Amino acid sequence: MGMLVANTVGINVIFLTEYFARHSDLQSFLSFSDFILVPTAMGIICARIWRDLQLTNKEYLGYSVLTALLGIAGSAIFLGEGVICLLILSPLLFGLIIGGAFAGKAMFRKNNNTLNVSVVLLMAVLFTVDTLTSKPYEEEVTDVMVIHASPEEVWKHVASFSPITEPPNYFLFKMGMPSPVQSTVDGYYEGAHRKCIFSNGYVFDEVMTTFKPNKNLTFDITNQPRDPEIMGHIDILRGQFLLHNNGDGTTTLTGNSWYRLYVAPAWYYNMWAQSITSNVHIRAMQHIKQLSEAK
């Protein structure tokens, strides 16, 4: 009963916050409350229902883990979250539900109704304020690579490049997250359209806003795919390749990306977003390096 009630409450709260965001002027945003307060509250709900069962700490831990597993299954079924997104979410969900259950065990063991009501009201207030005031988080990711070729040679493979055939090394790409495989353009000038093609057939539509041969290619993303994975919670805003002539027959290639996250806590999810973005850079830049150094 504790596991079912906790997950029913948790999934419905998150569903309602997403529904409210999608049917208002707000961008769909999963806030600090959704990923911190809700799982903690789920653990407390479990403890409230389990309070008379005389469970051991080991049993609390085991049942809390089962509650989290049920929550993961519910997120996949009812909220449409994908495997990669659930993998990223799992450490928070397990830790906070377990922590909430043990906090609830301590709360209800003291039988202090004033304290218990105060904690619940405080969490409700924090949830409401955070949901109404949460804002997207923007970040820039930069990666640098030295290529043993001239800027003129490297530039040939920056705007567009042939398909990448090497299997990906990054573990999330191996698990099915889309990885870059090819870039195409309809012209070599500012304002031309560019497509960055990912595995699984996903395509990012882009417009080249800066086109300085051998130096700078900057492009804005005009359309991007939506899928159950992290792409449902992030907007890629802009990309850039900068070339620097090192004067010794080598070129320093710098890849920059700007994105906006619609999930919180930012410190946790941005860590994952940075890792994913950096590995997208590296996979494309290594291919450019290979093509440029082929001679």
Protein backbone atom coordinates (compact mmCIF):
# COMPACT_ATOMS: atom_id res chain seq x y z
CA MET A 1 0.00 0.00 0.00
CA GLY A 2 2.81 2.40 0.86
CA MET A 3 4.58 1.82 -2.44
CA LEU A 4 1.38 2.21 -4.48
CA VAL A 5 0.13 5.34 -2.71
CA ALA A 6 3.55 7.04 -2.84
CA ASN A 7 3.98 6.39 -6.55
CA THR A 8 0.39 7.36 -7.38
CA VAL A 9 0.89 10.69 -5.64
CA GLY A 10 4.33 11.27 -7.14
CA ILE A 11 3.41 10.50 -10.75
CA ASN A 12 0.21 12.53 -10.59
CA VAL A 13 1.98 15.58 -9.13
CA ILE A 14 4.62 15.54 -11.87
CA PHE A 15 1.99 14.92 -14.54
CA LEU A 16 -0.07 17.88 -13.30
CA THR A 17 2.93 20.24 -13.21
CA GLU A 18 3.88 19.25 -16.78
CA TYR A 19 0.27 19.56 -17.92
CA PHE A 20 -0.02 23.02 -16.36
CA ALA A 21 3.22 24.17 -18.03
CA ARG A 22 2.23 22.84 -21.46
CA HIS A 23 -1.19 24.49 -21.32
CA SER A 24 0.05 27.87 -20.18
CA ASP A 25 2.58 30.41 -21.41
CA LEU A 26 5.38 28.49 -19.68
CA GLN A 27 7.77 26.07 -21.35
CA SER A 28 7.41 22.57 -19.95
CA PHE A 29 9.82 22.55 -17.01
CA LEU A 30 10.60 19.84 -14.50
CA SER A 31 11.74 21.80 -11.47
CA PHE A 32 13.81 21.23 -8.36
CA SER A 33 10.59 20.29 -6.61
CA ASP A 34 9.75 17.56 -9.11
CA PHE A 35 13.09 15.82 -8.67
CA ILE A 36 13.90 16.64 -5.03
CA LEU A 37 10.76 17.32 -3.01
CA VAL A 38 8.47 14.84 -4.75
CA PRO A 39 10.74 11.77 -4.29
CA THR A 40 11.44 12.84 -0.70
CA ALA A 41 7.69 13.19 -0.09
CA MET A 42 7.16 9.74 -1.61
CA GLY A 43 9.55 8.27 0.95
CA ILE A 44 7.76 10.11 3.78
CA ILE A 45 4.38 8.82 2.53
CA CYS A 46 5.75 5.28 2.61
CA ALA A 47 7.00 5.76 6.18
CA ARG A 48 3.62 7.13 7.24
CA ILE A 49 1.83 4.02 5.96
CA TRP A 50 4.53 1.63 7.27
CA ARG A 51 4.75 3.23 10.74
CA ASP A 52 2.90 0.43 12.58
CA LEU A 53 4.62 -2.50 10.83
CA GLN A 54 7.73 -2.54 13.07
CA LEU A 55 10.02 -2.82 10.05
CA THR A 56 13.77 -3.08 10.47
CA ASN A 57 16.15 -0.61 8.84
CA LYS A 58 17.07 -3.29 6.32
CA GLU A 59 13.41 -3.77 5.42
CA TYR A 60 12.93 0.00 5.11
CA LEU A 61 15.86 0.09 2.70
CA GLY A 62 14.58 -2.84 0.65
CA TYR A 63 11.01 -1.57 0.38
CA SER A 64 12.26 1.93 -0.47
CA VAL A 65 14.31 0.50 -3.33
CA LEU A 66 11.21 -1.35 -4.56
CA THR A 67 9.24 1.91 -4.34
CA ALA A 68 11.86 3.64 -6.52
CA LEU A 69 11.81 0.79 -9.04
CA LEU A 70 8.02 1.06 -9.22
CA GLY A 71 8.41 4.80 -9.76
CA ILE A 72 10.83 4.24 -12.63
CA ALA A 73 8.41 1.81 -14.25
CA GLY A 74 5.55 4.28 -13.77
CA SER A 75 7.59 7.10 -15.31
CA ALA A 76 8.20 4.97 -18.39
CA ILE A 77 4.56 3.91 -18.72
CA PHE A 78 2.62 7.02 -17.73
CA LEU A 79 5.08 9.88 -18.35
CA GLY A 80 6.68 8.43 -21.49
CA GLU A 81 10.27 8.76 -20.26
CA GLY A 82 12.93 6.81 -22.17
CA VAL A 83 15.67 4.49 -20.97
CA ILE A 84 18.46 7.10 -21.07
CA CYS A 85 16.40 9.68 -19.19
CA LEU A 86 15.46 7.12 -16.54
CA LEU A 87 19.10 6.06 -16.19
CA ILE A 88 20.04 9.69 -15.52
CA LEU A 89 17.14 10.13 -13.07
CA SER A 90 17.68 6.88 -11.13
CA PRO A 91 20.46 7.98 -8.70
CA LEU A 92 18.35 10.91 -7.51
CA LEU A 93 15.18 8.86 -7.26
CA PHE A 94 16.75 6.02 -5.27
CA GLY A 95 18.65 8.31 -2.92
CA LEU A 96 15.79 10.69 -2.15
CA ILE A 97 13.08 8.06 -1.71
CA ILE A 98 15.34 6.13 0.67
CA GLY A 99 16.25 9.33 2.51
CA GLY A 100 12.61 10.40 2.71
CA ALA A 101 11.56 7.00 4.08
CA PHE A 102 14.13 7.08 6.88
CA ALA A 103 13.34 10.74 7.65
CA GLY A 104 9.66 9.81 7.83
CA LYS A 105 10.45 6.86 10.07
CA ALA A 106 12.14 9.22 12.52
CA MET A 107 9.32 11.77 12.27
CA PHE A 108 6.46 9.37 12.91
CA ARG A 109 8.30 7.41 15.61
CA LYS A 110 8.31 10.55 17.78
CA ASN A 111 4.54 10.93 17.27
CA ASN A 112 4.90 14.71 17.19
CA ASN A 113 1.92 15.81 15.12
CA THR A 114 2.89 19.47 15.25
CA LEU A 115 6.33 18.73 13.80
CA ASN A 116 4.92 16.35 11.20
CA VAL A 117 2.30 18.84 9.99
CA SER A 118 4.90 21.61 9.91
CA VAL A 119 7.25 19.56 7.72
CA VAL A 120 4.45 18.66 5.30
CA LEU A 121 3.28 22.28 5.06
CA LEU A 122 6.84 23.52 4.54
CA MET A 123 7.37 21.04 1.70
CA ALA A 124 4.06 22.08 0.12
CA VAL A 125 5.02 25.76 0.29
CA LEU A 126 8.50 25.08 -1.14
CA PHE A 127 7.00 23.01 -3.95
CA THR A 128 4.49 25.74 -4.90
CA VAL A 129 7.03 28.58 -4.81
CA ASP A 130 9.67 26.60 -6.70
CA THR A 131 7.21 25.44 -9.38
CA LEU A 132 6.02 29.00 -10.02
CA THR A 133 9.49 30.61 -10.03
CA SER A 134 11.71 28.01 -11.71
CA LYS A 135 13.53 29.18 -14.82
CA PRO A 136 15.43 27.33 -17.57
CA TYR A 137 19.20 27.11 -17.23
CA GLU A 138 21.56 28.02 -20.07
CA GLU A 139 25.10 26.73 -20.54
CA GLU A 140 27.98 26.74 -23.02
CA VAL A 141 30.23 23.72 -23.61
CA THR A 142 33.65 24.00 -25.28
CA ASP A 143 36.00 21.31 -26.58
CA VAL A 144 39.39 21.77 -28.25
CA MET A 145 41.35 19.48 -30.57
CA VAL A 146 44.66 19.91 -32.42
CA ILE A 147 44.64 18.65 -36.02
CA HIS A 148 47.82 18.02 -38.02
CA ALA A 149 46.63 19.83 -41.12
CA SER A 150 46.28 23.39 -42.37
CA PRO A 151 43.16 25.46 -41.65
CA GLU A 152 42.35 25.32 -45.39
CA GLU A 153 42.29 21.53 -45.29
CA VAL A 154 40.33 21.33 -42.05
CA TRP A 155 37.78 23.85 -43.32
CA LYS A 156 36.83 21.50 -46.16
CA HIS A 157 35.28 19.11 -43.62
CA VAL A 158 33.72 21.50 -41.10
CA ALA A 159 30.48 22.69 -42.70
CA SER A 160 29.69 19.26 -44.13
CA PHE A 161 31.34 15.90 -43.72
CA SER A 162 30.89 12.36 -44.97
CA PRO A 163 29.13 9.75 -42.80
CA ILE A 164 30.89 8.59 -39.64
CA THR A 165 31.26 4.82 -39.79
CA GLU A 166 33.24 4.15 -36.61
CA PRO A 167 31.16 2.73 -33.74
CA PRO A 168 30.68 5.20 -30.84
CA ASN A 169 32.78 4.92 -27.69
CA TYR A 170 30.59 6.92 -25.32
CA PHE A 171 28.52 4.59 -23.11
CA LEU A 172 25.23 6.49 -23.60
CA PHE A 173 25.65 6.34 -27.38
CA LYS A 174 26.19 2.59 -27.05
CA MET A 175 22.94 2.36 -25.07
CA GLY A 176 20.95 3.97 -27.87
CA MET A 177 21.24 7.73 -27.38
CA PRO A 178 21.45 9.34 -30.86
CA SER A 179 25.00 10.23 -31.93
CA PRO A 180 26.15 12.45 -34.85
CA VAL A 181 26.76 10.61 -38.14
CA GLN A 182 26.83 13.26 -40.89
CA SER A 183 26.47 16.95 -41.75
CA THR A 184 25.11 18.36 -45.01
CA VAL A 185 24.65 21.91 -46.37
CA ASP A 186 22.72 23.45 -49.26
CA GLY A 187 25.37 26.12 -49.85
CA TYR A 188 28.59 27.60 -48.53
CA TYR A 189 27.60 31.10 -47.42
CA GLU A 190 25.97 32.92 -44.52
CA GLY A 191 22.26 32.12 -44.41
CA ALA A 192 22.68 28.70 -45.99
CA HIS A 193 20.87 25.77 -44.40
CA ARG A 194 22.75 22.97 -42.70
CA LYS A 195 21.58 19.62 -41.37
CA CYS A 196 23.26 17.67 -38.62
CA ILE A 197 22.10 14.07 -38.96
CA PHE A 198 22.14 11.76 -35.95
CA SER A 199 21.68 8.03 -35.62
CA ASN A 200 18.09 6.79 -35.48
CA GLY A 201 17.31 9.25 -38.27
CA TYR A 202 17.16 12.34 -36.05
CA VAL A 203 17.94 15.61 -37.85
CA PHE A 204 18.84 19.03 -36.45
CA ASP A 205 17.95 21.81 -38.90
CA GLU A 206 20.38 24.72 -38.78
CA VAL A 207 21.12 28.08 -40.43
CA MET A 208 24.72 29.24 -40.81
CA THR A 209 24.86 32.72 -39.27
CA THR A 210 28.63 33.20 -39.59
CA PHE A 211 30.64 31.77 -42.46
CA LYS A 212 34.28 32.94 -42.45
CA PRO A 213 36.35 30.46 -44.46
CA ASN A 214 39.20 28.83 -42.54
CA LYS A 215 38.19 30.67 -39.35
CA ASN A 216 34.62 30.56 -38.08
CA LEU A 217 31.44 28.60 -38.74
CA THR A 218 28.55 29.50 -36.45
CA PHE A 219 25.01 28.15 -36.86
CA ASP A 220 21.68 28.51 -35.08
CA ILE A 221 19.46 25.48 -34.55
CA THR A 222 16.04 26.16 -36.05
CA ASN A 223 14.41 22.78 -35.48
CA GLN A 224 15.35 19.74 -33.44
CA PRO A 225 13.86 16.32 -32.82
CA ARG A 226 11.76 15.48 -29.78
CA ASP A 227 12.05 12.03 -28.31
CA PRO A 228 11.56 10.38 -24.89
CA GLU A 229 15.21 10.87 -23.97
CA ILE A 230 17.04 13.99 -22.82
CA MET A 231 16.12 15.86 -26.01
CA GLY A 232 12.68 16.29 -24.52
CA HIS A 233 14.18 18.39 -21.72
CA ILE A 234 16.81 20.45 -23.54
CA ASP A 235 16.98 22.92 -26.42
CA ILE A 236 20.22 23.13 -28.39
CA LEU A 237 20.44 26.80 -29.30
CA ARG A 238 23.62 27.32 -31.29
CA GLY A 239 26.80 25.58 -32.46
CA GLN A 240 30.17 26.85 -33.56
CA PHE A 241 33.51 25.67 -34.99
CA LEU A 242 36.53 27.97 -34.67
CA LEU A 243 39.81 27.32 -36.50
CA HIS A 244 43.15 28.74 -35.36
CA ASN A 245 46.34 28.46 -37.42
CA ASN A 246 49.10 27.41 -35.05
CA GLY A 247 51.80 28.37 -37.57
CA ASP A 248 53.48 24.98 -37.48
CA GLY A 249 51.31 23.08 -39.95
CA THR A 250 48.65 22.30 -37.33
CA THR A 251 45.22 23.76 -36.63
CA THR A 252 43.42 24.11 -33.32
CA LEU A 253 39.75 23.25 -33.81
CA THR A 254 37.38 24.51 -31.13
CA GLY A 255 33.79 23.27 -30.87
CA ASN A 256 31.24 25.32 -28.92
CA SER A 257 27.60 24.60 -28.17
CA TRP A 258 24.96 26.57 -26.30
CA TYR A 259 21.89 24.90 -24.83
CA ARG A 260 18.96 25.55 -22.49
CA LEU A 261 17.90 22.99 -19.86
CA TYR A 262 14.30 22.57 -18.71
CA VAL A 263 15.08 20.29 -15.77
CA ALA A 264 16.37 20.96 -12.27
CA PRO A 265 18.40 20.75 -10.12
CA ALA A 266 20.67 22.32 -12.72
CA TRP A 267 23.89 21.24 -11.01
CA TYR A 268 22.94 17.58 -11.43
CA TYR A 269 21.38 17.51 -14.89
CA ASN A 270 23.86 19.99 -16.33
CA MET A 271 26.63 17.56 -15.42
CA TRP A 272 24.99 14.99 -17.70
CA ALA A 273 24.19 17.55 -20.41
CA GLN A 274 27.80 18.73 -20.48
CA SER A 275 29.05 15.18 -20.81
CA ILE A 276 26.63 14.36 -23.65
CA THR A 277 27.32 17.62 -25.52
CA SER A 278 31.07 17.21 -25.16
CA ASN A 279 30.93 13.68 -26.55
CA VAL A 280 28.86 14.92 -29.51
CA HIS A 281 31.62 17.48 -30.14
CA ILE A 282 34.40 14.94 -29.82
CA ARG A 283 32.77 12.40 -32.13
CA ALA A 284 32.30 15.01 -34.89
CA MET A 285 35.71 16.64 -34.34
CA GLN A 286 37.56 13.32 -34.38
CA HIS A 287 35.94 12.57 -37.73
CA ILE A 288 36.96 16.00 -39.06
CA LYS A 289 40.48 15.31 -37.77
CA GLN A 290 40.59 11.94 -39.50
CA LEU A 291 39.40 13.38 -42.81
CA SER A 292 41.77 16.34 -42.61
CA GLU A 293 44.83 14.23 -41.81
CA ALA A 294 44.04 11.56 -44.42
CA LYS A 295 46.71 12.86 -46.81
